[in-house]
Structure formats: structure tokens, C-alpha cells
Amino acid sequence: MIGFILGIVVGCAQPIMTSLNTKLSQRLRSPLLPSCTTFILAMILTGCVLLVLQGNLYIPLGTIAKEPWWIWTGGICGDIIVIFSILCLPKLGSVETVVFLVLGQIVSGLYIDHFGVFESA
């Protein structure tokens, strides 16, 4: 039950973030600066959470070389989502922007699950 509630709460964050970033992009006259701001603030917040929960920000460098290159590219997807949202919200509105994002998530999730892409189960 908690998973459903958390999913809804986190789902609410997408249109809120998109609306805020779109307004910031209008003020800064750039869709890329709000994206940069989003990820800088996310890095600071995540770093603080890591410090509180783990007591350090250590990334084992030996792990980086052992893993496939593509495993480190998830942040690129996040940036694409943020930039797409900023560009589309003024043209599509909040609901349609989120609907297309969710539709894309469902389609790609089905593809990943069905074909076991990215070594998924």
C-alpha cells in the first residue's frame, strides 16, 4: 500500500517540476539553464542524503571500470526528460506533457521487460 501512495506522491512531482522549470526557462530565456539548475540542486540534495544515511560520498572507482559503459548513462535520460518537459509544457499543457511522458514510460517499460533489455529480469 505504501508503494502506491509513494508512487502517486512522486508522480505529482513531475508536473510540479515541469511547471516550475518552464517558468524558470521563460525568465532565463533558456530551456537548458533550468535543466542544469535542476541537476545541480538534485546533486546537492542527494549528496546531503548520502552523508546523512551513509556518512560519506564514496564511489568505488574500481567499480566504474568493471561495469559496462551504458550502465552510467541514466542521467542522460533524466536530462532528456527535463528538457523535453520544459519545451513541451508551454505547447501541450501540463496534462498532455505528463501523458506523453507516461505513455513513453509504459511503452519502453514493456519493451525492456519483454526483451530483457539492460539485463533486466
PDB file of N, CA and C in Angstrom:
ATOM      1  N   MET A   1       0.820  -1.204   0.000  1.00  0.00           N
ATOM      2  CA  MET A   1       0.000   0.000   0.000  1.00  0.00           C
ATOM      3  C   MET A   1       0.867   1.272   0.000  1.00  0.00           C
ATOM      4  N   ILE A   2       1.950   1.229   0.769  1.00  0.00           N
ATOM      5  CA  ILE A   2       2.824   2.402   0.842  1.00  0.00           C
ATOM      6  C   ILE A   2       3.443   2.699  -0.522  1.00  0.00           C
ATOM      7  N   GLY A   3       3.705   1.640  -1.306  1.00  0.00           N
ATOM      8  CA  GLY A   3       4.257   1.824  -2.645  1.00  0.00           C
ATOM      9  C   GLY A   3       3.320   2.599  -3.550  1.00  0.00           C
ATOM     10  N   PHE A   4       2.024   2.317  -3.447  1.00  0.00           N
ATOM     11  CA  PHE A   4       1.043   3.043  -4.256  1.00  0.00           C
ATOM     12  C   PHE A   4       1.000   4.516  -3.871  1.00  0.00           C
ATOM     13  N   ILE A   5       1.005   4.775  -2.573  1.00  0.00           N
ATOM     14  CA  ILE A   5       0.950   6.154  -2.090  1.00  0.00           C
ATOM     15  C   ILE A   5       2.208   6.904  -2.513  1.00  0.00           C
ATOM     16  N   LEU A   6       3.375   6.281  -2.322  1.00  0.00           N
ATOM     17  CA  LEU A   6       4.626   6.919  -2.739  1.00  0.00           C
ATOM     18  C   LEU A   6       4.652   7.154  -4.245  1.00  0.00           C
ATOM     19  N   GLY A   7       4.134   6.194  -5.010  1.00  0.00           N
ATOM     20  CA  GLY A   7       4.076   6.352  -6.468  1.00  0.00           C
ATOM     21  C   GLY A   7       3.239   7.550  -6.872  1.00  0.00           C
ATOM     22  N   ILE A   8       2.136   7.739  -6.200  1.00  0.00           N
ATOM     23  CA  ILE A   8       1.267   8.879  -6.508  1.00  0.00           C
ATOM     24  C   ILE A   8       1.949  10.189  -6.112  1.00  0.00           C
ATOM     25  N   VAL A   9       2.562  10.204  -4.936  1.00  0.00           N
ATOM     26  CA  VAL A   9       3.253  11.420  -4.478  1.00  0.00           C
ATOM     27  C   VAL A   9       4.389  11.771  -5.439  1.00  0.00           C
ATOM     28  N   VAL A  10       5.186  10.781  -5.800  1.00  0.00           N
ATOM     29  CA  VAL A  10       6.295  11.027  -6.723  1.00  0.00           C
ATOM     30  C   VAL A  10       5.760  11.418  -8.104  1.00  0.00           C
ATOM     31  N   GLY A  11       4.664  10.789  -8.518  1.00  0.00           N
ATOM     32  CA  GLY A  11       4.045  11.156  -9.790  1.00  0.00           C
ATOM     33  C   GLY A  11       3.591  12.608  -9.802  1.00  0.00           C
ATOM     34  N   CYS A  12       3.159  13.117  -8.669  1.00  0.00           N
ATOM     35  CA  CYS A  12       2.762  14.530  -8.567  1.00  0.00           C
ATOM     36  C   CYS A  12       3.952  15.457  -8.775  1.00  0.00           C
ATOM     37  N   ALA A  13       5.142  14.973  -8.472  1.00  0.00           N
ATOM     38  CA  ALA A  13       6.332  15.809  -8.593  1.00  0.00           C
ATOM     39  C   ALA A  13       6.639  16.163 -10.051  1.00  0.00           C
ATOM     40  N   GLN A  14       6.305  15.280 -10.991  1.00  0.00           N
ATOM     41  CA  GLN A  14       6.648  15.527 -12.402  1.00  0.00           C
ATOM     42  C   GLN A  14       5.994  16.794 -12.945  1.00  0.00           C
ATOM     43  N   PRO A  15       4.664  16.945 -12.873  1.00  0.00           N
ATOM     44  CA  PRO A  15       4.083  18.187 -13.407  1.00  0.00           C
ATOM     45  C   PRO A  15       4.464  19.423 -12.596  1.00  0.00           C
ATOM     46  N   ILE A  16       4.711  19.251 -11.296  1.00  0.00           N
ATOM     47  CA  ILE A  16       5.160  20.395 -10.491  1.00  0.00           C
ATOM     48  C   ILE A  16       6.540  20.835 -10.960  1.00  0.00           C
ATOM     49  N   MET A  17       7.469  19.877 -11.095  1.00  0.00           N
ATOM     50  CA  MET A  17       8.819  20.186 -11.560  1.00  0.00           C
ATOM     51  C   MET A  17       8.776  20.815 -12.948  1.00  0.00           C
ATOM     52  N   THR A  18       7.958  20.251 -13.825  1.00  0.00           N
ATOM     53  CA  THR A  18       7.864  20.766 -15.185  1.00  0.00           C
ATOM     54  C   THR A  18       7.339  22.200 -15.193  1.00  0.00           C
ATOM     55  N   SER A  19       6.322  22.466 -14.408  1.00  0.00           N
ATOM     56  CA  SER A  19       5.759  23.819 -14.347  1.00  0.00           C
ATOM     57  C   SER A  19       6.783  24.820 -13.814  1.00  0.00           C
ATOM     58  N   LEU A  20       7.480  24.442 -12.742  1.00  0.00           N
ATOM     59  CA  LEU A  20       8.479  25.331 -12.163  1.00  0.00           C
ATOM     60  C   LEU A  20       9.637  25.565 -13.131  1.00  0.00           C
ATOM     61  N   ASN A  21      10.129  24.497 -13.762  1.00  0.00           N
ATOM     62  CA  ASN A  21      11.236  24.630 -14.704  1.00  0.00           C
ATOM     63  C   ASN A  21      10.844  25.430 -15.935  1.00  0.00           C
ATOM     64  N   THR A  22       9.609  25.278 -16.380  1.00  0.00           N
ATOM     65  CA  THR A  22       9.146  26.041 -17.538  1.00  0.00           C
ATOM     66  C   THR A  22       9.098  27.530 -17.214  1.00  0.00           C
ATOM     67  N   LYS A  23       8.594  27.860 -16.040  1.00  0.00           N
ATOM     68  CA  LYS A  23       8.557  29.266 -15.627  1.00  0.00           C
ATOM     69  C   LYS A  23       9.988  29.812 -15.515  1.00  0.00           C
ATOM     70  N   LEU A  24      10.906  29.012 -14.950  1.00  0.00           N
ATOM     71  CA  LEU A  24      12.298  29.440 -14.846  1.00  0.00           C
ATOM     72  C   LEU A  24      12.920  29.607 -16.230  1.00  0.00           C
ATOM     73  N   SER A  25      12.585  28.718 -17.167  1.00  0.00           N
ATOM     74  CA  SER A  25      13.146  28.832 -18.520  1.00  0.00           C
ATOM     75  C   SER A  25      12.656  30.095 -19.216  1.00  0.00           C
ATOM     76  N   GLN A  26      11.423  30.501 -18.938  1.00  0.00           N
ATOM     77  CA  GLN A  26      10.911  31.740 -19.510  1.00  0.00           C
ATOM     78  C   GLN A  26      11.658  32.945 -18.945  1.00  0.00           C
ATOM     79  N   ARG A  27      11.934  32.907 -17.663  1.00  0.00           N
ATOM     80  CA  ARG A  27      12.643  34.010 -17.019  1.00  0.00           C
ATOM     81  C   ARG A  27      14.102  34.067 -17.451  1.00  0.00           C
ATOM     82  N   LEU A  28      14.725  32.893 -17.619  1.00  0.00           N
ATOM     83  CA  LEU A  28      16.141  32.840 -18.007  1.00  0.00           C
ATOM     84  C   LEU A  28      16.337  32.815 -19.518  1.00  0.00           C
ATOM     85  N   ARG A  29      15.234  32.682 -20.260  1.00  0.00           N
ATOM     86  CA  ARG A  29      15.247  32.625 -21.722  1.00  0.00           C
ATOM     87  C   ARG A  29      16.094  31.465 -22.250  1.00  0.00           C
ATOM     88  N   SER A  30      15.996  30.328 -21.558  1.00  0.00           N
ATOM     89  CA  SER A  30      16.752  29.147 -21.967  1.00  0.00           C
ATOM     90  C   SER A  30      16.134  27.901 -21.344  1.00  0.00           C
ATOM     91  N   PRO A  31      15.877  26.855 -22.148  1.00  0.00           N
ATOM     92  CA  PRO A  31      15.396  25.606 -21.559  1.00  0.00           C
ATOM     93  C   PRO A  31      16.525  24.794 -20.922  1.00  0.00           C
ATOM     94  N   LEU A  32      17.771  25.128 -21.236  1.00  0.00           N
ATOM     95  CA  LEU A  32      18.896  24.342 -20.736  1.00  0.00           C
ATOM     96  C   LEU A  32      19.357  24.782 -19.348  1.00  0.00           C
ATOM     97  N   LEU A  33      19.274  26.071 -19.050  1.00  0.00           N
ATOM     98  CA  LEU A  33      19.702  26.551 -17.728  1.00  0.00           C
ATOM     99  C   LEU A  33      18.855  25.976 -16.592  1.00  0.00           C
ATOM    100  N   PRO A  34      17.527  25.895 -16.724  1.00  0.00           N
ATOM    101  CA  PRO A  34      16.753  25.257 -15.655  1.00  0.00           C
ATOM    102  C   PRO A  34      17.100  23.768 -15.490  1.00  0.00           C
ATOM    103  N   SER A  35      17.403  23.107 -16.587  1.00  0.00           N
ATOM    104  CA  SER A  35      17.809  21.707 -16.500  1.00  0.00           C
ATOM    105  C   SER A  35      19.102  21.590 -15.703  1.00  0.00           C
ATOM    106  N   CYS A  36      20.047  22.456 -15.990  1.00  0.00           N
ATOM    107  CA  CYS A  36      21.314  22.475 -15.265  1.00  0.00           C
ATOM    108  C   CYS A  36      21.072  22.764 -13.783  1.00  0.00           C
ATOM    109  N   THR A  37      20.219  23.734 -13.518  1.00  0.00           N
ATOM    110  CA  THR A  37      19.880  24.075 -12.136  1.00  0.00           C
ATOM    111  C   THR A  37      19.243  22.897 -11.423  1.00  0.00           C
ATOM    112  N   THR A  38      18.326  22.218 -12.098  1.00  0.00           N
ATOM    113  CA  THR A  38      17.658  21.050 -11.519  1.00  0.00           C
ATOM    114  C   THR A  38      18.672  20.009 -11.085  1.00  0.00           C
ATOM    115  N   PHE A  39      19.624  19.706 -11.948  1.00  0.00           N
ATOM    116  CA  PHE A  39      20.565  18.635 -11.635  1.00  0.00           C
ATOM    117  C   PHE A  39      21.623  19.066 -10.621  1.00  0.00           C
ATOM    118  N   ILE A  40      21.974  20.329 -10.595  1.00  0.00           N
ATOM    119  CA  ILE A  40      22.895  20.805  -9.552  1.00  0.00           C
ATOM    120  C   ILE A  40      22.217  20.707  -8.183  1.00  0.00           C
ATOM    121  N   LEU A  41      20.973  21.161  -8.103  1.00  0.00           N
ATOM    122  CA  LEU A  41      20.252  21.082  -6.841  1.00  0.00           C
ATOM    123  C   LEU A  41      19.998  19.633  -6.436  1.00  0.00           C
ATOM    124  N   ALA A  42      19.694  18.780  -7.412  1.00  0.00           N
ATOM    125  CA  ALA A  42      19.495  17.357  -7.120  1.00  0.00           C
ATOM    126  C   ALA A  42      20.785  16.724  -6.608  1.00  0.00           C
ATOM    127  N   MET A  43      21.916  17.107  -7.191  1.00  0.00           N
ATOM    128  CA  MET A  43      23.204  16.572  -6.743  1.00  0.00           C
ATOM    129  C   MET A  43      23.486  17.005  -5.302  1.00  0.00           C
ATOM    130  N   ILE A  44      23.214  18.256  -4.989  1.00  0.00           N
ATOM    131  CA  ILE A  44      23.444  18.751  -3.624  1.00  0.00           C
ATOM    132  C   ILE A  44      22.537  18.013  -2.636  1.00  0.00           C
ATOM    133  N   LEU A  45      21.249  17.893  -2.975  1.00  0.00           N
ATOM    134  CA  LEU A  45      20.309  17.199  -2.095  1.00  0.00           C
ATOM    135  C   LEU A  45      20.703  15.739  -1.916  1.00  0.00           C
ATOM    136  N   THR A  46      21.008  15.059  -3.004  1.00  0.00           N
ATOM    137  CA  THR A  46      21.391  13.650  -2.925  1.00  0.00           C
ATOM    138  C   THR A  46      22.681  13.484  -2.125  1.00  0.00           C
ATOM    139  N   GLY A  47      23.629  14.393  -2.314  1.00  0.00           N
ATOM    140  CA  GLY A  47      24.864  14.346  -1.536  1.00  0.00           C
ATOM    141  C   GLY A  47      24.591  14.484  -0.050  1.00  0.00           C
ATOM    142  N   CYS A  48      23.693  15.389   0.315  1.00  0.00           N
ATOM    143  CA  CYS A  48      23.330  15.558   1.729  1.00  0.00           C
ATOM    144  C   CYS A  48      22.661  14.298   2.279  1.00  0.00           C
ATOM    145  N   VAL A  49      21.760  13.712   1.505  1.00  0.00           N
ATOM    146  CA  VAL A  49      21.090  12.478   1.937  1.00  0.00           C
ATOM    147  C   VAL A  49      22.113  11.349   2.095  1.00  0.00           C
ATOM    148  N   LEU A  50      23.044  11.240   1.151  1.00  0.00           N
ATOM    149  CA  LEU A  50      24.101  10.230   1.269  1.00  0.00           C
ATOM    150  C   LEU A  50      24.941  10.433   2.518  1.00  0.00           C
ATOM    151  N   LEU A  51      25.299  11.668   2.794  1.00  0.00           N
ATOM    152  CA  LEU A  51      26.084  11.955   4.001  1.00  0.00           C
ATOM    153  C   LEU A  51      25.339  11.570   5.269  1.00  0.00           C
ATOM    154  N   VAL A  52      24.039  11.843   5.295  1.00  0.00           N
ATOM    155  CA  VAL A  52      23.245  11.503   6.475  1.00  0.00           C
ATOM    156  C   VAL A  52      23.078   9.989   6.598  1.00  0.00           C
ATOM    157  N   LEU A  53      22.763   9.317   5.493  1.00  0.00           N
ATOM    158  CA  LEU A  53      22.462   7.884   5.549  1.00  0.00           C
ATOM    159  C   LEU A  53      23.702   6.988   5.541  1.00  0.00           C
ATOM    160  N   GLN A  54      24.732   7.373   4.794  1.00  0.00           N
ATOM    161  CA  GLN A  54      25.924   6.536   4.664  1.00  0.00           C
ATOM    162  C   GLN A  54      27.159   7.124   5.336  1.00  0.00           C
ATOM    163  N   GLY A  55      27.136   8.409   5.589  1.00  0.00           N
ATOM    164  CA  GLY A  55      28.262   9.050   6.236  1.00  0.00           C
ATOM    165  C   GLY A  55      29.394   9.433   5.297  1.00  0.00           C
ATOM    166  N   ASN A  56      29.215   9.185   3.992  1.00  0.00           N
ATOM    167  CA  ASN A  56      30.258   9.560   3.027  1.00  0.00           C
ATOM    168  C   ASN A  56      29.672   9.662   1.629  1.00  0.00           C
ATOM    169  N   LEU A  57      30.494  10.156   0.703  1.00  0.00           N
ATOM    170  CA  LEU A  57      30.108  10.265  -0.707  1.00  0.00           C
ATOM    171  C   LEU A  57      30.991   9.378  -1.574  1.00  0.00           C
ATOM    172  N   TYR A  58      31.519   8.326  -1.001  1.00  0.00           N
ATOM    173  CA  TYR A  58      32.497   7.477  -1.672  1.00  0.00           C
ATOM    174  C   TYR A  58      31.878   6.673  -2.812  1.00  0.00           C
ATOM    175  N   ILE A  59      32.495   6.770  -3.987  1.00  0.00           N
ATOM    176  CA  ILE A  59      32.151   5.929  -5.138  1.00  0.00           C
ATOM    177  C   ILE A  59      33.369   5.060  -5.408  1.00  0.00           C
ATOM    178  N   PRO A  60      33.219   3.739  -5.302  1.00  0.00           N
ATOM    179  CA  PRO A  60      34.378   2.876  -5.537  1.00  0.00           C
ATOM    180  C   PRO A  60      34.821   2.945  -7.002  1.00  0.00           C
ATOM    181  N   LEU A  61      35.936   3.605  -7.264  1.00  0.00           N
ATOM    182  CA  LEU A  61      36.393   3.838  -8.632  1.00  0.00           C
ATOM    183  C   LEU A  61      36.681   2.545  -9.387  1.00  0.00           C
ATOM    184  N   GLY A  62      37.078   1.505  -8.682  1.00  0.00           N
ATOM    185  CA  GLY A  62      37.309   0.218  -9.340  1.00  0.00           C
ATOM    186  C   GLY A  62      36.049  -0.338  -9.983  1.00  0.00           C
ATOM    187  N   THR A  63      34.912  -0.009  -9.424  1.00  0.00           N
ATOM    188  CA  THR A  63      33.635  -0.473  -9.964  1.00  0.00           C
ATOM    189  C   THR A  63      33.351   0.145 -11.326  1.00  0.00           C
ATOM    190  N   ILE A  64      33.735   1.401 -11.509  1.00  0.00           N
ATOM    191  CA  ILE A  64      33.456   2.100 -12.762  1.00  0.00           C
ATOM    192  C   ILE A  64      34.051   1.358 -13.946  1.00  0.00           C
ATOM    193  N   ALA A  65      35.281   0.914 -13.822  1.00  0.00           N
ATOM    194  CA  ALA A  65      35.957   0.242 -14.933  1.00  0.00           C
ATOM    195  C   ALA A  65      35.400  -1.146 -15.206  1.00  0.00           C
ATOM    196  N   LYS A  66      34.811  -1.778 -14.208  1.00  0.00           N
ATOM    197  CA  LYS A  66      34.323  -3.156 -14.356  1.00  0.00           C
ATOM    198  C   LYS A  66      32.937  -3.256 -14.972  1.00  0.00           C
ATOM    199  N   GLU A  67      32.196  -2.185 -14.939  1.00  0.00           N
ATOM    200  CA  GLU A  67      30.815  -2.219 -15.422  1.00  0.00           C
ATOM    201  C   GLU A  67      30.731  -1.769 -16.872  1.00  0.00           C
ATOM    202  N   PRO A  68      29.676  -2.211 -17.595  1.00  0.00           N
ATOM    203  CA  PRO A  68      29.514  -1.764 -18.989  1.00  0.00           C
ATOM    204  C   PRO A  68      29.276  -0.254 -19.046  1.00  0.00           C
ATOM    205  N   TRP A  69      29.732   0.368 -20.127  1.00  0.00           N
ATOM    206  CA  TRP A  69      29.653   1.820 -20.270  1.00  0.00           C
ATOM    207  C   TRP A  69      28.226   2.333 -20.150  1.00  0.00           C
ATOM    208  N   TRP A  70      27.264   1.597 -20.688  1.00  0.00           N
ATOM    209  CA  TRP A  70      25.897   2.083 -20.760  1.00  0.00           C
ATOM    210  C   TRP A  70      25.222   2.166 -19.392  1.00  0.00           C
ATOM    211  N   ILE A  71      25.757   1.473 -18.411  1.00  0.00           N
ATOM    212  CA  ILE A  71      25.127   1.480 -17.091  1.00  0.00           C
ATOM    213  C   ILE A  71      25.219   2.855 -16.424  1.00  0.00           C
ATOM    214  N   TRP A  72      26.146   3.700 -16.887  1.00  0.00           N
ATOM    215  CA  TRP A  72      26.383   5.024 -16.296  1.00  0.00           C
ATOM    216  C   TRP A  72      25.616   6.132 -17.009  1.00  0.00           C
ATOM    217  N   THR A  73      24.772   5.802 -17.982  1.00  0.00           N
ATOM    218  CA  THR A  73      24.135   6.834 -18.809  1.00  0.00           C
ATOM    219  C   THR A  73      22.710   7.195 -18.387  1.00  0.00           C
ATOM    220  N   GLY A  74      22.240   6.708 -17.254  1.00  0.00           N
ATOM    221  CA  GLY A  74      20.878   7.007 -16.809  1.00  0.00           C
ATOM    222  C   GLY A  74      20.607   8.488 -16.631  1.00  0.00           C
ATOM    223  N   GLY A  75      21.610   9.233 -16.203  1.00  0.00           N
ATOM    224  CA  GLY A  75      21.439  10.670 -16.012  1.00  0.00           C
ATOM    225  C   GLY A  75      21.116  11.399 -17.307  1.00  0.00           C
ATOM    226  N   ILE A  76      21.612  10.861 -18.419  1.00  0.00           N
ATOM    227  CA  ILE A  76      21.294  11.461 -19.721  1.00  0.00           C
ATOM    228  C   ILE A  76      19.795  11.379 -19.969  1.00  0.00           C
ATOM    229  N   CYS A  77      19.198  10.240 -19.614  1.00  0.00           N
ATOM    230  CA  CYS A  77      17.745  10.083 -19.771  1.00  0.00           C
ATOM    231  C   CYS A  77      17.000  11.099 -18.915  1.00  0.00           C
ATOM    232  N   GLY A  78      17.467  11.299 -17.693  1.00  0.00           N
ATOM    233  CA  GLY A  78      16.838  12.296 -16.823  1.00  0.00           C
ATOM    234  C   GLY A  78      16.908  13.685 -17.413  1.00  0.00           C
ATOM    235  N   ASP A  79      18.045  14.020 -17.998  1.00  0.00           N
ATOM    236  CA  ASP A  79      18.200  15.341 -18.609  1.00  0.00           C
ATOM    237  C   ASP A  79      17.278  15.494 -19.811  1.00  0.00           C
ATOM    238  N   ILE A  80      17.161  14.459 -20.618  1.00  0.00           N
ATOM    239  CA  ILE A  80      16.246  14.492 -21.769  1.00  0.00           C
ATOM    240  C   ILE A  80      14.810  14.705 -21.292  1.00  0.00           C
ATOM    241  N   ILE A  81      14.429  14.032 -20.212  1.00  0.00           N
ATOM    242  CA  ILE A  81      13.071  14.183 -19.675  1.00  0.00           C
ATOM    243  C   ILE A  81      12.834  15.616 -19.227  1.00  0.00           C
ATOM    244  N   VAL A  82      13.780  16.188 -18.508  1.00  0.00           N
ATOM    245  CA  VAL A  82      13.613  17.553 -18.005  1.00  0.00           C
ATOM    246  C   VAL A  82      13.533  18.547 -19.166  1.00  0.00           C
ATOM    247  N   ILE A  83      14.440  18.432 -20.125  1.00  0.00           N
ATOM    248  CA  ILE A  83      14.439  19.370 -21.261  1.00  0.00           C
ATOM    249  C   ILE A  83      13.168  19.214 -22.093  1.00  0.00           C
ATOM    250  N   PHE A  84      12.759  17.970 -22.372  1.00  0.00           N
ATOM    251  CA  PHE A  84      11.514  17.729 -23.112  1.00  0.00           C
ATOM    252  C   PHE A  84      10.335  18.376 -22.397  1.00  0.00           C
ATOM    253  N   SER A  85      10.273  18.177 -21.088  1.00  0.00           N
ATOM    254  CA  SER A  85       9.162  18.728 -20.313  1.00  0.00           C
ATOM    255  C   SER A  85       9.118  20.249 -20.398  1.00  0.00           C
ATOM    256  N   ILE A  86      10.277  20.875 -20.278  1.00  0.00           N
ATOM    257  CA  ILE A  86      10.340  22.339 -20.335  1.00  0.00           C
ATOM    258  C   ILE A  86       9.890  22.842 -21.702  1.00  0.00           C
ATOM    259  N   LEU A  87      10.300  22.155 -22.769  1.00  0.00           N
ATOM    260  CA  LEU A  87       9.947  22.587 -24.122  1.00  0.00           C
ATOM    261  C   LEU A  87       8.481  22.313 -24.457  1.00  0.00           C
ATOM    262  N   CYS A  88       7.933  21.225 -23.940  1.00  0.00           N
ATOM    263  CA  CYS A  88       6.583  20.816 -24.331  1.00  0.00           C
ATOM    264  C   CYS A  88       5.471  21.441 -23.501  1.00  0.00           C
ATOM    265  N   LEU A  89       5.723  21.733 -22.234  1.00  0.00           N
ATOM    266  CA  LEU A  89       4.642  22.236 -21.382  1.00  0.00           C
ATOM    267  C   LEU A  89       3.967  23.490 -21.942  1.00  0.00           C
ATOM    268  N   PRO A  90       4.704  24.485 -22.442  1.00  0.00           N
ATOM    269  CA  PRO A  90       4.007  25.666 -22.974  1.00  0.00           C
ATOM    270  C   PRO A  90       3.163  25.353 -24.216  1.00  0.00           C
ATOM    271  N   LYS A  91       3.549  24.324 -24.961  1.00  0.00           N
ATOM    272  CA  LYS A  91       2.827  23.995 -26.191  1.00  0.00           C
ATOM    273  C   LYS A  91       1.683  23.007 -25.948  1.00  0.00           C
ATOM    274  N   LEU A  92       1.901  22.044 -25.039  1.00  0.00           N
ATOM    275  CA  LEU A  92       0.920  20.976 -24.825  1.00  0.00           C
ATOM    276  C   LEU A  92       0.091  21.157 -23.566  1.00  0.00           C
ATOM    277  N   GLY A  93       0.622  21.873 -22.594  1.00  0.00           N
ATOM    278  CA  GLY A  93      -0.027  21.949 -21.287  1.00  0.00           C
ATOM    279  C   GLY A  93       0.511  20.860 -20.381  1.00  0.00           C
ATOM    280  N   SER A  94       0.210  20.981 -19.114  1.00  0.00           N
ATOM    281  CA  SER A  94       0.754  20.073 -18.107  1.00  0.00           C
ATOM    282  C   SER A  94       0.244  18.645 -18.284  1.00  0.00           C
ATOM    283  N   VAL A  95      -1.052  18.492 -18.496  1.00  0.00           N
ATOM    284  CA  VAL A  95      -1.628  17.146 -18.586  1.00  0.00           C
ATOM    285  C   VAL A  95      -1.073  16.381 -19.791  1.00  0.00           C
ATOM    286  N   GLU A  96      -1.108  16.992 -20.961  1.00  0.00           N
ATOM    287  CA  GLU A  96      -0.637  16.285 -22.155  1.00  0.00           C
ATOM    288  C   GLU A  96       0.859  15.994 -22.080  1.00  0.00           C
ATOM    289  N   THR A  97       1.641  16.909 -21.534  1.00  0.00           N
ATOM    290  CA  THR A  97       3.073  16.655 -21.383  1.00  0.00           C
ATOM    291  C   THR A  97       3.294  15.429 -20.522  1.00  0.00           C
ATOM    292  N   VAL A  98       2.603  15.343 -19.386  1.00  0.00           N
ATOM    293  CA  VAL A  98       2.763  14.194 -18.495  1.00  0.00           C
ATOM    294  C   VAL A  98       2.205  12.928 -19.138  1.00  0.00           C
ATOM    295  N   VAL A  99       1.094  13.025 -19.847  1.00  0.00           N
ATOM    296  CA  VAL A  99       0.515  11.848 -20.509  1.00  0.00           C
ATOM    297  C   VAL A  99       1.501  11.259 -21.511  1.00  0.00           C
ATOM    298  N   PHE A 100       2.140  12.115 -22.314  1.00  0.00           N
ATOM    299  CA  PHE A 100       3.105  11.597 -23.283  1.00  0.00           C
ATOM    300  C   PHE A 100       4.327  11.000 -22.593  1.00  0.00           C
ATOM    301  N   LEU A 101       4.758  11.619 -21.499  1.00  0.00           N
ATOM    302  CA  LEU A 101       5.873  11.039 -20.742  1.00  0.00           C
ATOM    303  C   LEU A 101       5.502   9.671 -20.184  1.00  0.00           C
ATOM    304  N   VAL A 102       4.312   9.563 -19.607  1.00  0.00           N
ATOM    305  CA  VAL A 102       3.875   8.284 -19.032  1.00  0.00           C
ATOM    306  C   VAL A 102       3.676   7.242 -20.136  1.00  0.00           C
ATOM    307  N   LEU A 103       3.108   7.647 -21.265  1.00  0.00           N
ATOM    308  CA  LEU A 103       2.951   6.720 -22.387  1.00  0.00           C
ATOM    309  C   LEU A 103       4.309   6.183 -22.836  1.00  0.00           C
ATOM    310  N   GLY A 104       5.280   7.076 -22.968  1.00  0.00           N
ATOM    311  CA  GLY A 104       6.628   6.636 -23.331  1.00  0.00           C
ATOM    312  C   GLY A 104       7.223   5.708 -22.298  1.00  0.00           C
ATOM    313  N   GLN A 105       6.970   5.978 -21.017  1.00  0.00           N
ATOM    314  CA  GLN A 105       7.473   5.109 -19.958  1.00  0.00           C
ATOM    315  C   GLN A 105       6.836   3.722 -20.034  1.00  0.00           C
ATOM    316  N   ILE A 106       5.549   3.673 -20.303  1.00  0.00           N
ATOM    317  CA  ILE A 106       4.856   2.384 -20.401  1.00  0.00           C
ATOM    318  C   ILE A 106       5.378   1.582 -21.588  1.00  0.00           C
ATOM    319  N   VAL A 107       5.484   2.230 -22.737  1.00  0.00           N
ATOM    320  CA  VAL A 107       5.958   1.539 -23.941  1.00  0.00           C
ATOM    321  C   VAL A 107       7.391   1.037 -23.755  1.00  0.00           C
ATOM    322  N   SER A 108       8.273   1.899 -23.268  1.00  0.00           N
ATOM    323  CA  SER A 108       9.658   1.459 -23.093  1.00  0.00           C
ATOM    324  C   SER A 108       9.777   0.433 -21.979  1.00  0.00           C
ATOM    325  N   GLY A 109       8.969   0.564 -20.919  1.00  0.00           N
ATOM    326  CA  GLY A 109       8.972  -0.435 -19.848  1.00  0.00           C
ATOM    327  C   GLY A 109       8.533  -1.803 -20.351  1.00  0.00           C
ATOM    328  N   LEU A 110       7.501  -1.834 -21.190  1.00  0.00           N
ATOM    329  CA  LEU A 110       7.056  -3.093 -21.786  1.00  0.00           C
ATOM    330  C   LEU A 110       8.151  -3.711 -22.648  1.00  0.00           C
ATOM    331  N   TYR A 111       8.812  -2.885 -23.434  1.00  0.00           N
ATOM    332  CA  TYR A 111       9.899  -3.351 -24.302  1.00  0.00           C
ATOM    333  C   TYR A 111      11.051  -3.921 -23.474  1.00  0.00           C
ATOM    334  N   ILE A 112      11.450  -3.188 -22.442  1.00  0.00           N
ATOM    335  CA  ILE A 112      12.559  -3.620 -21.593  1.00  0.00           C
ATOM    336  C   ILE A 112      12.206  -4.923 -20.888  1.00  0.00           C
ATOM    337  N   ASP A 113      11.000  -5.017 -20.332  1.00  0.00           N
ATOM    338  CA  ASP A 113      10.584  -6.238 -19.638  1.00  0.00           C
ATOM    339  C   ASP A 113      10.453  -7.425 -20.592  1.00  0.00           C
ATOM    340  N   HIS A 114       9.849  -7.201 -21.749  1.00  0.00           N
ATOM    341  CA  HIS A 114       9.605  -8.298 -22.695  1.00  0.00           C
ATOM    342  C   HIS A 114      10.899  -8.875 -23.260  1.00  0.00           C
ATOM    343  N   PHE A 115      11.833  -7.998 -23.626  1.00  0.00           N
ATOM    344  CA  PHE A 115      13.051  -8.453 -24.279  1.00  0.00           C
ATOM    345  C   PHE A 115      14.258  -8.550 -23.341  1.00  0.00           C
ATOM    346  N   GLY A 116      14.070  -8.202 -22.070  1.00  0.00           N
ATOM    347  CA  GLY A 116      15.180  -8.291 -21.112  1.00  0.00           C
ATOM    348  C   GLY A 116      16.319  -7.321 -21.413  1.00  0.00           C
ATOM    349  N   VAL A 117      15.961  -6.165 -21.954  1.00  0.00           N
ATOM    350  CA  VAL A 117      16.975  -5.155 -22.295  1.00  0.00           C
ATOM    351  C   VAL A 117      17.667  -4.676 -21.008  1.00  0.00           C
ATOM    352  N   PHE A 118      18.923  -4.331 -21.100  1.00  0.00           N
ATOM    353  CA  PHE A 118      19.735  -3.860 -19.982  1.00  0.00           C
ATOM    354  C   PHE A 118      19.846  -4.934 -18.890  1.00  0.00           C
ATOM    355  N   GLU A 119      19.836  -6.176 -19.326  1.00  0.00           N
ATOM    356  CA  GLU A 119      19.981  -7.326 -18.427  1.00  0.00           C
ATOM    357  C   GLU A 119      18.897  -7.377 -17.359  1.00  0.00           C
ATOM    358  N   SER A 120      17.704  -6.847 -17.677  1.00  0.00           N
ATOM    359  CA  SER A 120      16.596  -6.899 -16.711  1.00  0.00           C
ATOM    360  C   SER A 120      15.961  -8.275 -16.729  1.00  0.00           C
ATOM    361  N   ALA A 121      15.289  -8.567 -15.630  1.00  0.00           N
ATOM    362  CA  ALA A 121      14.648  -9.894 -15.498  1.00  0.00           C
ATOM    363  C   ALA A 121      13.473 -10.038 -16.445  1.00  0.00           C
TER     364      ALA A 121
END
